Amino acid sequence: MFQAVAIRIARLVATLFVVSLLTFMMTALLPGDPVNAILPPTAPRDQATIDRVRDELGLDDPLPIRYINWAADALRGDLGKSYVTNQTISDTIKDRVPVTAQLAFMAVFIAVIMAVPLGILGAYREGRWQDTSSSAAMQVMLSVPNFVTGIFLIWLFAVKLNWLPSANWSRISDGLVANLKTSILPATALATTQIAIFSRLVRSDMIATLKENYILSARAKGLKDRFILFRHALRPSSLSLVTIIGINFGALLGGTVIIETLFAIPGLGFRLINAISSRDFLAIQGITVFIAFVYVLINALVDILYLVIDPRIRKG
């Protein structure tokens, strides 16, 4: 057990090192000068002023020196300060990660509560009209991009029905109802693709599980189909689902850029896009490394969940 944990920690450190190094190198290759974004419109832009700002920010140092200095500060918990907003990167992440995390949690929750029953139904009625109809619907949901779904939801619920706002964000501190009104549409737009993926996984794994000998034995004992499906077949059929939930949740933290932009949501993805457009190197670096850290951490937790879900893995 200790060896497995040590291996995962080593993998986490190696991943963060590679991600931070590659991000640092790629941001240095972005066209344009960050000084132009830092200087206010009324500030003089002569070469002396530009050179002074670059020297103060250390932008003239060689790339390896800049990376080493940043990594040394990051190990102490200091991700630096934004060149553009003058806000520390840690504060930026602290302010925005609850927004993106809530969207990701809600999207995964909506996807799971919709996908699991559909996947079980498709496996239980394999080859029948229930299975073919749900499979066709999942294929359509898988083919439609999230932003197209978001636009449709805005048109239907905000423009035509006028039930929900089309943009902006209300935090939970502003009231749960107000928060849900601004979060349900973007979360649903994010969840549509996940519903299709999760339901197809549950269906395929459940079909294989229902052919196992212990399932046939349970049926021979006269147990009800509902009890067999949810008590004996669902748990061993959920390993792939748990894996994909962990992977997709980590991906959602950094992949909500389009949805956050479409709905004007002040999340991590929206801030990352602004940082790229303004050449805010430290903001790009800090947010990217944070997302990578959460992604790898979630996958490590998924490995541990395997032991809880399937006793065969725990005994092995």
C-alpha atoms as a PDB file:
ATOM      1  CA  MET A   1       0.000   0.000   0.000  1.00  0.00           C
ATOM      2  CA  PHE A   2       2.799   2.400   0.938  1.00  0.00           C
ATOM      3  CA  GLN A   3       4.624   1.617  -2.292  1.00  0.00           C
ATOM      4  CA  ALA A   4       1.486   2.336  -4.351  1.00  0.00           C
ATOM      5  CA  VAL A   5       1.027   5.716  -2.630  1.00  0.00           C
ATOM      6  CA  ALA A   6       4.702   6.577  -3.158  1.00  0.00           C
ATOM      7  CA  ILE A   7       4.433   5.743  -6.851  1.00  0.00           C
ATOM      8  CA  ARG A   8       1.377   8.006  -7.227  1.00  0.00           C
ATOM      9  CA  ILE A   9       3.129  10.863  -5.420  1.00  0.00           C
ATOM     10  CA  ALA A  10       6.175  10.482  -7.670  1.00  0.00           C
ATOM     11  CA  ARG A  11       3.897  10.463 -10.713  1.00  0.00           C
ATOM     12  CA  LEU A  12       2.178  13.614  -9.450  1.00  0.00           C
ATOM     13  CA  VAL A  13       5.487  15.451  -8.992  1.00  0.00           C
ATOM     14  CA  ALA A  14       6.776  14.369 -12.395  1.00  0.00           C
ATOM     15  CA  THR A  15       3.565  15.424 -14.123  1.00  0.00           C
ATOM     16  CA  LEU A  16       3.559  18.848 -12.495  1.00  0.00           C
ATOM     17  CA  PHE A  17       7.196  19.381 -13.441  1.00  0.00           C
ATOM     18  CA  VAL A  18       6.602  18.490 -17.101  1.00  0.00           C
ATOM     19  CA  VAL A  19       3.404  20.563 -17.320  1.00  0.00           C
ATOM     20  CA  SER A  20       4.965  23.621 -15.687  1.00  0.00           C
ATOM     21  CA  LEU A  21       8.091  23.408 -17.864  1.00  0.00           C
ATOM     22  CA  LEU A  22       6.160  22.998 -21.108  1.00  0.00           C
ATOM     23  CA  THR A  23       3.744  25.792 -20.175  1.00  0.00           C
ATOM     24  CA  PHE A  24       6.611  28.121 -19.359  1.00  0.00           C
ATOM     25  CA  MET A  25       8.293  27.366 -22.672  1.00  0.00           C
ATOM     26  CA  MET A  26       5.126  27.753 -24.745  1.00  0.00           C
ATOM     27  CA  THR A  27       4.090  31.030 -23.120  1.00  0.00           C
ATOM     28  CA  ALA A  28       7.524  32.417 -23.940  1.00  0.00           C
ATOM     29  CA  LEU A  29       6.803  31.644 -27.600  1.00  0.00           C
ATOM     30  CA  LEU A  30       3.560  33.644 -27.656  1.00  0.00           C
ATOM     31  CA  PRO A  31       3.753  36.589 -30.063  1.00  0.00           C
ATOM     32  CA  GLY A  32       3.708  40.107 -28.674  1.00  0.00           C
ATOM     33  CA  ASP A  33       5.256  41.773 -25.670  1.00  0.00           C
ATOM     34  CA  PRO A  34       3.535  41.563 -22.255  1.00  0.00           C
ATOM     35  CA  VAL A  35       4.825  45.063 -21.494  1.00  0.00           C
ATOM     36  CA  ASN A  36       2.318  46.456 -23.988  1.00  0.00           C
ATOM     37  CA  ALA A  37      -0.500  44.920 -21.948  1.00  0.00           C
ATOM     38  CA  ILE A  38       0.958  46.034 -18.635  1.00  0.00           C
ATOM     39  CA  LEU A  39       1.486  49.704 -19.459  1.00  0.00           C
ATOM     40  CA  PRO A  40      -1.680  51.838 -19.194  1.00  0.00           C
ATOM     41  CA  PRO A  41      -2.858  53.575 -22.378  1.00  0.00           C
ATOM     42  CA  THR A  42      -1.667  56.975 -21.113  1.00  0.00           C
ATOM     43  CA  ALA A  43       1.841  55.773 -20.169  1.00  0.00           C
ATOM     44  CA  PRO A  44       4.767  56.653 -22.450  1.00  0.00           C
ATOM     45  CA  ARG A  45       5.868  53.778 -24.666  1.00  0.00           C
ATOM     46  CA  ASP A  46       9.393  54.847 -25.508  1.00  0.00           C
ATOM     47  CA  GLN A  47      12.133  52.242 -25.445  1.00  0.00           C
ATOM     48  CA  ALA A  48      13.535  53.468 -22.109  1.00  0.00           C
ATOM     49  CA  THR A  49      10.197  52.935 -20.362  1.00  0.00           C
ATOM     50  CA  ILE A  50       9.747  49.503 -21.941  1.00  0.00           C
ATOM     51  CA  ASP A  51      13.273  48.450 -20.950  1.00  0.00           C
ATOM     52  CA  ARG A  52      12.707  49.638 -17.377  1.00  0.00           C
ATOM     53  CA  VAL A  53       9.466  47.641 -17.025  1.00  0.00           C
ATOM     54  CA  ARG A  54      11.053  44.541 -18.509  1.00  0.00           C
ATOM     55  CA  ASP A  55      13.967  44.835 -16.104  1.00  0.00           C
ATOM     56  CA  GLU A  56      11.664  45.276 -13.084  1.00  0.00           C
ATOM     57  CA  LEU A  57       9.662  42.186 -14.013  1.00  0.00           C
ATOM     58  CA  GLY A  58      12.726  40.112 -14.898  1.00  0.00           C
ATOM     59  CA  LEU A  59      11.522  39.553 -18.454  1.00  0.00           C
ATOM     60  CA  ASP A  60      15.049  40.032 -19.798  1.00  0.00           C
ATOM     61  CA  ASP A  61      16.444  37.124 -17.775  1.00  0.00           C
ATOM     62  CA  PRO A  62      17.167  33.895 -19.652  1.00  0.00           C
ATOM     63  CA  LEU A  63      14.230  31.491 -19.802  1.00  0.00           C
ATOM     64  CA  PRO A  64      15.856  28.800 -17.573  1.00  0.00           C
ATOM     65  CA  ILE A  65      16.598  31.392 -14.878  1.00  0.00           C
ATOM     66  CA  ARG A  66      13.043  32.688 -14.990  1.00  0.00           C
ATOM     67  CA  TYR A  67      11.669  29.140 -14.694  1.00  0.00           C
ATOM     68  CA  ILE A  68      13.942  28.248 -11.777  1.00  0.00           C
ATOM     69  CA  ASN A  69      12.965  31.427  -9.930  1.00  0.00           C
ATOM     70  CA  TRP A  70       9.284  30.742 -10.530  1.00  0.00           C
ATOM     71  CA  ALA A  71       9.568  27.065  -9.473  1.00  0.00           C
ATOM     72  CA  ALA A  72      11.403  28.021  -6.274  1.00  0.00           C
ATOM     73  CA  ASP A  73       8.645  30.473  -5.363  1.00  0.00           C
ATOM     74  CA  ALA A  74       5.914  27.987  -6.328  1.00  0.00           C
ATOM     75  CA  LEU A  75       7.338  25.347  -3.984  1.00  0.00           C
ATOM     76  CA  ARG A  76       6.837  27.873  -1.175  1.00  0.00           C
ATOM     77  CA  GLY A  77       3.232  28.431  -2.257  1.00  0.00           C
ATOM     78  CA  ASP A  78       3.904  31.701  -4.095  1.00  0.00           C
ATOM     79  CA  LEU A  79       2.657  31.523  -7.685  1.00  0.00           C
ATOM     80  CA  GLY A  80       3.533  35.134  -8.351  1.00  0.00           C
ATOM     81  CA  LYS A  81       1.506  38.222  -9.146  1.00  0.00           C
ATOM     82  CA  SER A  82      -0.320  39.028 -12.356  1.00  0.00           C
ATOM     83  CA  TYR A  83       1.489  41.510 -14.583  1.00  0.00           C
ATOM     84  CA  VAL A  84      -1.827  42.936 -15.764  1.00  0.00           C
ATOM     85  CA  THR A  85      -4.232  42.939 -12.802  1.00  0.00           C
ATOM     86  CA  ASN A  86      -1.580  43.174 -10.063  1.00  0.00           C
ATOM     87  CA  GLN A  87      -3.467  40.449  -8.165  1.00  0.00           C
ATOM     88  CA  THR A  88      -1.640  37.424  -6.802  1.00  0.00           C
ATOM     89  CA  ILE A  89      -2.242  34.255  -8.780  1.00  0.00           C
ATOM     90  CA  SER A  90      -3.196  32.405  -5.592  1.00  0.00           C
ATOM     91  CA  ASP A  91      -5.957  34.934  -4.923  1.00  0.00           C
ATOM     92  CA  THR A  92      -7.120  34.688  -8.533  1.00  0.00           C
ATOM     93  CA  ILE A  93      -7.426  30.914  -8.259  1.00  0.00           C
ATOM     94  CA  LYS A  94      -9.080  31.172  -4.846  1.00  0.00           C
ATOM     95  CA  ASP A  95     -11.684  33.592  -6.200  1.00  0.00           C
ATOM     96  CA  ARG A  96     -12.465  31.694  -9.381  1.00  0.00           C
ATOM     97  CA  VAL A  97     -12.034  28.003  -8.626  1.00  0.00           C
ATOM     98  CA  PRO A  98     -15.335  27.757  -6.655  1.00  0.00           C
ATOM     99  CA  VAL A  99     -17.194  28.930  -9.760  1.00  0.00           C
ATOM    100  CA  THR A 100     -15.559  26.442 -12.127  1.00  0.00           C
ATOM    101  CA  ALA A 101     -15.657  23.642  -9.552  1.00  0.00           C
ATOM    102  CA  GLN A 102     -19.382  24.162  -9.010  1.00  0.00           C
ATOM    103  CA  LEU A 103     -20.018  24.008 -12.743  1.00  0.00           C
ATOM    104  CA  ALA A 104     -17.969  20.810 -13.018  1.00  0.00           C
ATOM    105  CA  PHE A 105     -19.681  19.197 -10.003  1.00  0.00           C
ATOM    106  CA  MET A 106     -23.132  20.107 -11.274  1.00  0.00           C
ATOM    107  CA  ALA A 107     -22.351  18.869 -14.789  1.00  0.00           C
ATOM    108  CA  VAL A 108     -21.061  15.529 -13.481  1.00  0.00           C
ATOM    109  CA  PHE A 109     -23.998  15.186 -11.061  1.00  0.00           C
ATOM    110  CA  ILE A 110     -26.564  15.866 -13.797  1.00  0.00           C
ATOM    111  CA  ALA A 111     -24.769  13.470 -16.122  1.00  0.00           C
ATOM    112  CA  VAL A 112     -24.615  10.640 -13.581  1.00  0.00           C
ATOM    113  CA  ILE A 113     -28.256  10.831 -12.457  1.00  0.00           C
ATOM    114  CA  MET A 114     -29.354  10.833 -16.106  1.00  0.00           C
ATOM    115  CA  ALA A 115     -26.829   8.386 -17.559  1.00  0.00           C
ATOM    116  CA  VAL A 116     -26.942   5.546 -15.026  1.00  0.00           C
ATOM    117  CA  PRO A 117     -30.688   4.777 -15.396  1.00  0.00           C
ATOM    118  CA  LEU A 118     -30.436   5.127 -19.180  1.00  0.00           C
ATOM    119  CA  GLY A 119     -27.422   2.812 -19.313  1.00  0.00           C
ATOM    120  CA  ILE A 120     -29.096   0.222 -17.086  1.00  0.00           C
ATOM    121  CA  LEU A 121     -32.270   0.383 -19.155  1.00  0.00           C
ATOM    122  CA  GLY A 122     -30.314  -0.057 -22.381  1.00  0.00           C
ATOM    123  CA  ALA A 123     -28.490  -3.106 -21.003  1.00  0.00           C
ATOM    124  CA  TYR A 124     -31.629  -4.656 -19.495  1.00  0.00           C
ATOM    125  CA  ARG A 125     -33.570  -4.166 -22.738  1.00  0.00           C
ATOM    126  CA  GLU A 126     -30.655  -4.894 -25.054  1.00  0.00           C
ATOM    127  CA  GLY A 127     -31.720  -4.904 -28.704  1.00  0.00           C
ATOM    128  CA  ARG A 128     -35.253  -3.729 -27.980  1.00  0.00           C
ATOM    129  CA  TRP A 129     -36.812  -0.374 -28.785  1.00  0.00           C
ATOM    130  CA  GLN A 130     -35.837   1.114 -25.419  1.00  0.00           C
ATOM    131  CA  ASP A 131     -32.197   0.316 -26.134  1.00  0.00           C
ATOM    132  CA  THR A 132     -32.186   1.519 -29.739  1.00  0.00           C
ATOM    133  CA  SER A 133     -34.043   4.741 -28.886  1.00  0.00           C
ATOM    134  CA  SER A 134     -31.713   5.658 -26.013  1.00  0.00           C
ATOM    135  CA  SER A 135     -28.639   4.752 -28.086  1.00  0.00           C
ATOM    136  CA  ALA A 136     -29.814   7.018 -30.913  1.00  0.00           C
ATOM    137  CA  ALA A 137     -30.468   9.867 -28.480  1.00  0.00           C
ATOM    138  CA  MET A 138     -27.014   9.420 -26.909  1.00  0.00           C
ATOM    139  CA  GLN A 139     -25.412   9.484 -30.359  1.00  0.00           C
ATOM    140  CA  VAL A 140     -27.061  12.826 -31.088  1.00  0.00           C
ATOM    141  CA  MET A 141     -25.991  14.263 -27.725  1.00  0.00           C
ATOM    142  CA  LEU A 142     -22.446  13.058 -28.292  1.00  0.00           C
ATOM    143  CA  SER A 143     -22.300  14.714 -31.712  1.00  0.00           C
ATOM    144  CA  VAL A 144     -23.572  18.168 -30.720  1.00  0.00           C
ATOM    145  CA  PRO A 145     -20.862  20.512 -29.296  1.00  0.00           C
ATOM    146  CA  ASN A 146     -21.430  21.948 -25.842  1.00  0.00           C
ATOM    147  CA  PHE A 147     -21.541  25.544 -27.063  1.00  0.00           C
ATOM    148  CA  VAL A 148     -24.295  24.684 -29.558  1.00  0.00           C
ATOM    149  CA  THR A 149     -26.301  23.141 -26.729  1.00  0.00           C
ATOM    150  CA  GLY A 150     -25.599  26.244 -24.652  1.00  0.00           C
ATOM    151  CA  ILE A 151     -26.882  28.542 -27.395  1.00  0.00           C
ATOM    152  CA  PHE A 152     -30.037  26.430 -27.738  1.00  0.00           C
ATOM    153  CA  LEU A 153     -30.638  26.495 -23.969  1.00  0.00           C
ATOM    154  CA  ILE A 154     -30.201  30.286 -23.924  1.00  0.00           C
ATOM    155  CA  TRP A 155     -32.660  30.663 -26.808  1.00  0.00           C
ATOM    156  CA  LEU A 156     -35.242  28.372 -25.213  1.00  0.00           C
ATOM    157  CA  PHE A 157     -35.130  29.208 -21.509  1.00  0.00           C
ATOM    158  CA  ALA A 158     -33.856  32.800 -21.562  1.00  0.00           C
ATOM    159  CA  VAL A 159     -35.210  34.283 -24.800  1.00  0.00           C
ATOM    160  CA  LYS A 160     -38.414  32.390 -25.550  1.00  0.00           C
ATOM    161  CA  LEU A 161     -39.625  31.330 -22.099  1.00  0.00           C
ATOM    162  CA  ASN A 162     -37.806  34.004 -20.068  1.00  0.00           C
ATOM    163  CA  TRP A 163     -37.406  31.596 -17.156  1.00  0.00           C
ATOM    164  CA  LEU A 164     -33.652  31.898 -16.561  1.00  0.00           C
ATOM    165  CA  PRO A 165     -30.971  34.539 -17.154  1.00  0.00           C
ATOM    166  CA  SER A 166     -28.793  34.135 -20.221  1.00  0.00           C
ATOM    167  CA  ALA A 167     -25.554  35.389 -18.640  1.00  0.00           C
ATOM    168  CA  ASN A 168     -23.764  36.570 -15.506  1.00  0.00           C
ATOM    169  CA  TRP A 169     -23.167  34.616 -12.319  1.00  0.00           C
ATOM    170  CA  SER A 170     -24.598  34.736  -8.811  1.00  0.00           C
ATOM    171  CA  ARG A 171     -22.502  33.143  -6.093  1.00  0.00           C
ATOM    172  CA  ILE A 172     -24.000  30.882  -3.444  1.00  0.00           C
ATOM    173  CA  SER A 173     -23.479  33.670  -0.914  1.00  0.00           C
ATOM    174  CA  ASP A 174     -25.997  35.737  -2.923  1.00  0.00           C
ATOM    175  CA  GLY A 175     -28.656  33.070  -2.347  1.00  0.00           C
ATOM    176  CA  LEU A 176     -29.043  29.451  -3.431  1.00  0.00           C
ATOM    177  CA  VAL A 177     -31.979  30.128  -5.733  1.00  0.00           C
ATOM    178  CA  ALA A 178     -30.184  32.970  -7.518  1.00  0.00           C
ATOM    179  CA  ASN A 179     -27.087  30.800  -7.827  1.00  0.00           C
ATOM    180  CA  LEU A 180     -28.998  27.878  -9.335  1.00  0.00           C
ATOM    181  CA  LYS A 181     -30.753  30.170 -11.800  1.00  0.00           C
ATOM    182  CA  THR A 182     -27.412  31.302 -13.221  1.00  0.00           C
ATOM    183  CA  SER A 183     -25.672  27.914 -13.048  1.00  0.00           C
ATOM    184  CA  ILE A 184     -28.239  25.398 -14.270  1.00  0.00           C
ATOM    185  CA  LEU A 185     -28.022  26.316 -17.970  1.00  0.00           C
ATOM    186  CA  PRO A 186     -24.205  26.233 -18.314  1.00  0.00           C
ATOM    187  CA  ALA A 187     -24.012  23.079 -16.175  1.00  0.00           C
ATOM    188  CA  THR A 188     -26.620  21.377 -18.350  1.00  0.00           C
ATOM    189  CA  ALA A 189     -24.758  22.421 -21.495  1.00  0.00           C
ATOM    190  CA  LEU A 190     -21.591  20.854 -20.089  1.00  0.00           C
ATOM    191  CA  ALA A 191     -23.454  17.719 -18.992  1.00  0.00           C
ATOM    192  CA  THR A 192     -24.975  16.749 -22.354  1.00  0.00           C
ATOM    193  CA  THR A 193     -21.817  15.167 -23.751  1.00  0.00           C
ATOM    194  CA  GLN A 194     -21.042  13.541 -20.408  1.00  0.00           C
ATOM    195  CA  ILE A 195     -24.506  11.952 -20.307  1.00  0.00           C
ATOM    196  CA  ALA A 196     -23.865  10.254 -23.637  1.00  0.00           C
ATOM    197  CA  ILE A 197     -20.405   9.017 -22.614  1.00  0.00           C
ATOM    198  CA  PHE A 198     -21.460   7.775 -19.180  1.00  0.00           C
ATOM    199  CA  SER A 199     -24.592   5.995 -20.378  1.00  0.00           C
ATOM    200  CA  ARG A 200     -22.736   4.154 -23.152  1.00  0.00           C
ATOM    201  CA  LEU A 201     -20.115   2.994 -20.654  1.00  0.00           C
ATOM    202  CA  VAL A 202     -22.707   1.794 -18.137  1.00  0.00           C
ATOM    203  CA  ARG A 203     -24.653   0.008 -20.865  1.00  0.00           C
ATOM    204  CA  SER A 204     -21.661  -1.858 -22.314  1.00  0.00           C
ATOM    205  CA  ASP A 205     -20.278  -2.865 -18.902  1.00  0.00           C
ATOM    206  CA  MET A 206     -23.702  -3.860 -17.619  1.00  0.00           C
ATOM    207  CA  ILE A 207     -24.336  -6.081 -20.644  1.00  0.00           C
ATOM    208  CA  ALA A 208     -21.122  -7.978 -19.906  1.00  0.00           C
ATOM    209  CA  THR A 209     -21.894  -8.189 -16.178  1.00  0.00           C
ATOM    210  CA  LEU A 210     -25.410  -9.553 -16.727  1.00  0.00           C
ATOM    211  CA  LYS A 211     -23.855 -12.554 -18.497  1.00  0.00           C
ATOM    212  CA  GLU A 212     -21.715 -13.495 -15.496  1.00  0.00           C
ATOM    213  CA  ASN A 213     -22.425 -16.757 -13.692  1.00  0.00           C
ATOM    214  CA  TYR A 214     -23.291 -15.124 -10.376  1.00  0.00           C
ATOM    215  CA  ILE A 215     -25.985 -13.045 -12.102  1.00  0.00           C
ATOM    216  CA  LEU A 216     -27.460 -16.173 -13.665  1.00  0.00           C
ATOM    217  CA  SER A 217     -27.348 -17.809 -10.239  1.00  0.00           C
ATOM    218  CA  ALA A 218     -29.182 -14.865  -8.679  1.00  0.00           C
ATOM    219  CA  ARG A 219     -31.885 -15.109 -11.324  1.00  0.00           C
ATOM    220  CA  ALA A 220     -32.180 -18.855 -10.735  1.00  0.00           C
ATOM    221  CA  LYS A 221     -32.824 -18.128  -7.051  1.00  0.00           C
ATOM    222  CA  GLY A 222     -35.825 -16.043  -8.047  1.00  0.00           C
ATOM    223  CA  LEU A 223     -34.469 -12.630  -7.080  1.00  0.00           C
ATOM    224  CA  LYS A 224     -36.246  -9.672  -8.619  1.00  0.00           C
ATOM    225  CA  ASP A 225     -34.657  -8.057 -11.663  1.00  0.00           C
ATOM    226  CA  ARG A 226     -34.510  -4.636  -9.973  1.00  0.00           C
ATOM    227  CA  PHE A 227     -32.605  -6.085  -7.011  1.00  0.00           C
ATOM    228  CA  ILE A 228     -30.185  -7.917  -9.308  1.00  0.00           C
ATOM    229  CA  LEU A 229     -29.545  -4.837 -11.466  1.00  0.00           C
ATOM    230  CA  PHE A 230     -28.872  -2.388  -8.655  1.00  0.00           C
ATOM    231  CA  ARG A 231     -27.454  -4.706  -5.976  1.00  0.00           C
ATOM    232  CA  HIS A 232     -25.365  -7.249  -7.892  1.00  0.00           C
ATOM    233  CA  ALA A 233     -24.710  -5.821 -11.357  1.00  0.00           C
ATOM    234  CA  LEU A 234     -24.266  -2.065 -10.932  1.00  0.00           C
ATOM    235  CA  ARG A 235     -21.229  -1.991  -8.633  1.00  0.00           C
ATOM    236  CA  PRO A 236     -18.926  -4.212 -10.737  1.00  0.00           C
ATOM    237  CA  SER A 237     -20.165  -2.395 -13.844  1.00  0.00           C
ATOM    238  CA  SER A 238     -19.210   1.034 -12.515  1.00  0.00           C
ATOM    239  CA  LEU A 239     -15.400   0.792 -12.619  1.00  0.00           C
ATOM    240  CA  SER A 240     -15.136   2.285 -16.090  1.00  0.00           C
ATOM    241  CA  LEU A 241     -17.710   4.915 -15.120  1.00  0.00           C
ATOM    242  CA  VAL A 242     -15.712   5.964 -12.050  1.00  0.00           C
ATOM    243  CA  THR A 243     -12.564   6.228 -14.171  1.00  0.00           C
ATOM    244  CA  ILE A 244     -14.218   8.415 -16.777  1.00  0.00           C
ATOM    245  CA  ILE A 245     -15.927  10.572 -14.131  1.00  0.00           C
ATOM    246  CA  GLY A 246     -12.538  11.299 -12.566  1.00  0.00           C
ATOM    247  CA  ILE A 247     -10.885  12.036 -15.896  1.00  0.00           C
ATOM    248  CA  ASN A 248     -13.752  14.170 -17.178  1.00  0.00           C
ATOM    249  CA  PHE A 249     -14.085  16.134 -13.946  1.00  0.00           C
ATOM    250  CA  GLY A 250     -10.434  17.106 -14.158  1.00  0.00           C
ATOM    251  CA  ALA A 251     -10.897  17.990 -17.806  1.00  0.00           C
ATOM    252  CA  LEU A 252     -13.977  20.074 -17.034  1.00  0.00           C
ATOM    253  CA  LEU A 253     -11.967  22.285 -14.667  1.00  0.00           C
ATOM    254  CA  GLY A 254      -9.886  23.455 -17.601  1.00  0.00           C
ATOM    255  CA  GLY A 255     -12.336  22.788 -20.393  1.00  0.00           C
ATOM    256  CA  THR A 256     -15.179  25.116 -19.477  1.00  0.00           C
ATOM    257  CA  VAL A 257     -13.606  27.983 -21.411  1.00  0.00           C
ATOM    258  CA  ILE A 258     -16.209  28.241 -24.153  1.00  0.00           C
ATOM    259  CA  ILE A 259     -19.179  27.775 -21.823  1.00  0.00           C
ATOM    260  CA  GLU A 260     -17.823  30.298 -19.322  1.00  0.00           C
ATOM    261  CA  THR A 261     -17.284  32.780 -22.146  1.00  0.00           C
ATOM    262  CA  LEU A 262     -20.727  32.104 -23.624  1.00  0.00           C
ATOM    263  CA  PHE A 263     -22.508  32.647 -20.300  1.00  0.00           C
ATOM    264  CA  ALA A 264     -20.109  35.380 -19.032  1.00  0.00           C
ATOM    265  CA  ILE A 265     -19.083  33.281 -16.024  1.00  0.00           C
ATOM    266  CA  PRO A 266     -16.030  34.471 -14.033  1.00  0.00           C
ATOM    267  CA  GLY A 267     -14.350  31.062 -13.780  1.00  0.00           C
ATOM    268  CA  LEU A 268     -10.828  29.720 -14.232  1.00  0.00           C
ATOM    269  CA  GLY A 269     -11.250  29.034 -17.931  1.00  0.00           C
ATOM    270  CA  PHE A 270     -12.444  32.555 -18.659  1.00  0.00           C
ATOM    271  CA  ARG A 271      -9.514  34.008 -16.700  1.00  0.00           C
ATOM    272  CA  LEU A 272      -7.070  31.740 -18.516  1.00  0.00           C
ATOM    273  CA  ILE A 273      -8.261  32.969 -21.913  1.00  0.00           C
ATOM    274  CA  ASN A 274      -7.901  36.576 -20.784  1.00  0.00           C
ATOM    275  CA  ALA A 275      -4.400  35.822 -19.500  1.00  0.00           C
ATOM    276  CA  ILE A 276      -3.390  34.326 -22.849  1.00  0.00           C
ATOM    277  CA  SER A 277      -4.748  37.277 -24.818  1.00  0.00           C
ATOM    278  CA  SER A 278      -2.927  39.765 -22.554  1.00  0.00           C
ATOM    279  CA  ARG A 279       0.310  37.733 -22.389  1.00  0.00           C
ATOM    280  CA  ASP A 280      -0.041  37.446 -18.617  1.00  0.00           C
ATOM    281  CA  PHE A 281       2.619  34.745 -18.284  1.00  0.00           C
ATOM    282  CA  LEU A 282       2.442  34.146 -14.537  1.00  0.00           C
ATOM    283  CA  ALA A 283      -1.352  33.852 -14.589  1.00  0.00           C
ATOM    284  CA  ILE A 284      -1.158  31.306 -17.427  1.00  0.00           C
ATOM    285  CA  GLN A 285       1.522  29.351 -15.608  1.00  0.00           C
ATOM    286  CA  GLY A 286      -0.196  29.319 -12.223  1.00  0.00           C
ATOM    287  CA  ILE A 287      -3.674  28.406 -13.482  1.00  0.00           C
ATOM    288  CA  THR A 288      -2.339  25.670 -15.779  1.00  0.00           C
ATOM    289  CA  VAL A 289      -0.257  24.060 -13.037  1.00  0.00           C
ATOM    290  CA  PHE A 290      -3.195  24.221 -10.611  1.00  0.00           C
ATOM    291  CA  ILE A 291      -5.497  22.486 -13.124  1.00  0.00           C
ATOM    292  CA  ALA A 292      -2.837  19.827 -13.770  1.00  0.00           C
ATOM    293  CA  PHE A 293      -2.438  19.258 -10.026  1.00  0.00           C
ATOM    294  CA  VAL A 294      -6.189  18.769  -9.524  1.00  0.00           C
ATOM    295  CA  TYR A 295      -6.378  16.510 -12.580  1.00  0.00           C
ATOM    296  CA  VAL A 296      -3.625  14.170 -11.378  1.00  0.00           C
ATOM    297  CA  LEU A 297      -4.915  14.222  -7.795  1.00  0.00           C
ATOM    298  CA  ILE A 298      -8.412  13.219  -8.898  1.00  0.00           C
ATOM    299  CA  ASN A 299      -7.031  10.321 -10.928  1.00  0.00           C
ATOM    300  CA  ALA A 300      -5.082   9.120  -7.884  1.00  0.00           C
ATOM    301  CA  LEU A 301      -8.282   9.235  -5.818  1.00  0.00           C
ATOM    302  CA  VAL A 302     -10.058   7.251  -8.536  1.00  0.00           C
ATOM    303  CA  ASP A 303      -7.456   4.498  -8.188  1.00  0.00           C
ATOM    304  CA  ILE A 304      -8.194   4.351  -4.462  1.00  0.00           C
ATOM    305  CA  LEU A 305     -11.936   4.226  -5.120  1.00  0.00           C
ATOM    306  CA  TYR A 306     -11.404   1.045  -7.110  1.00  0.00           C
ATOM    307  CA  LEU A 307     -10.539  -0.698  -3.844  1.00  0.00           C
ATOM    308  CA  VAL A 308     -13.802   0.462  -2.285  1.00  0.00           C
ATOM    309  CA  ILE A 309     -16.047  -0.388  -5.209  1.00  0.00           C
ATOM    310  CA  ASP A 310     -14.727  -3.812  -6.203  1.00  0.00           C
ATOM    311  CA  PRO A 311     -13.652  -6.254  -3.456  1.00  0.00           C
ATOM    312  CA  ARG A 312     -11.853  -8.375  -6.074  1.00  0.00           C
ATOM    313  CA  ILE A 313      -9.322  -5.580  -6.651  1.00  0.00           C
ATOM    314  CA  ARG A 314      -8.957  -5.026  -2.900  1.00  0.00           C
ATOM    315  CA  LYS A 315      -8.210  -8.709  -2.291  1.00  0.00           C
ATOM    316  CA  GLY A 316      -5.826  -8.806  -5.251  1.00  0.00           C
END
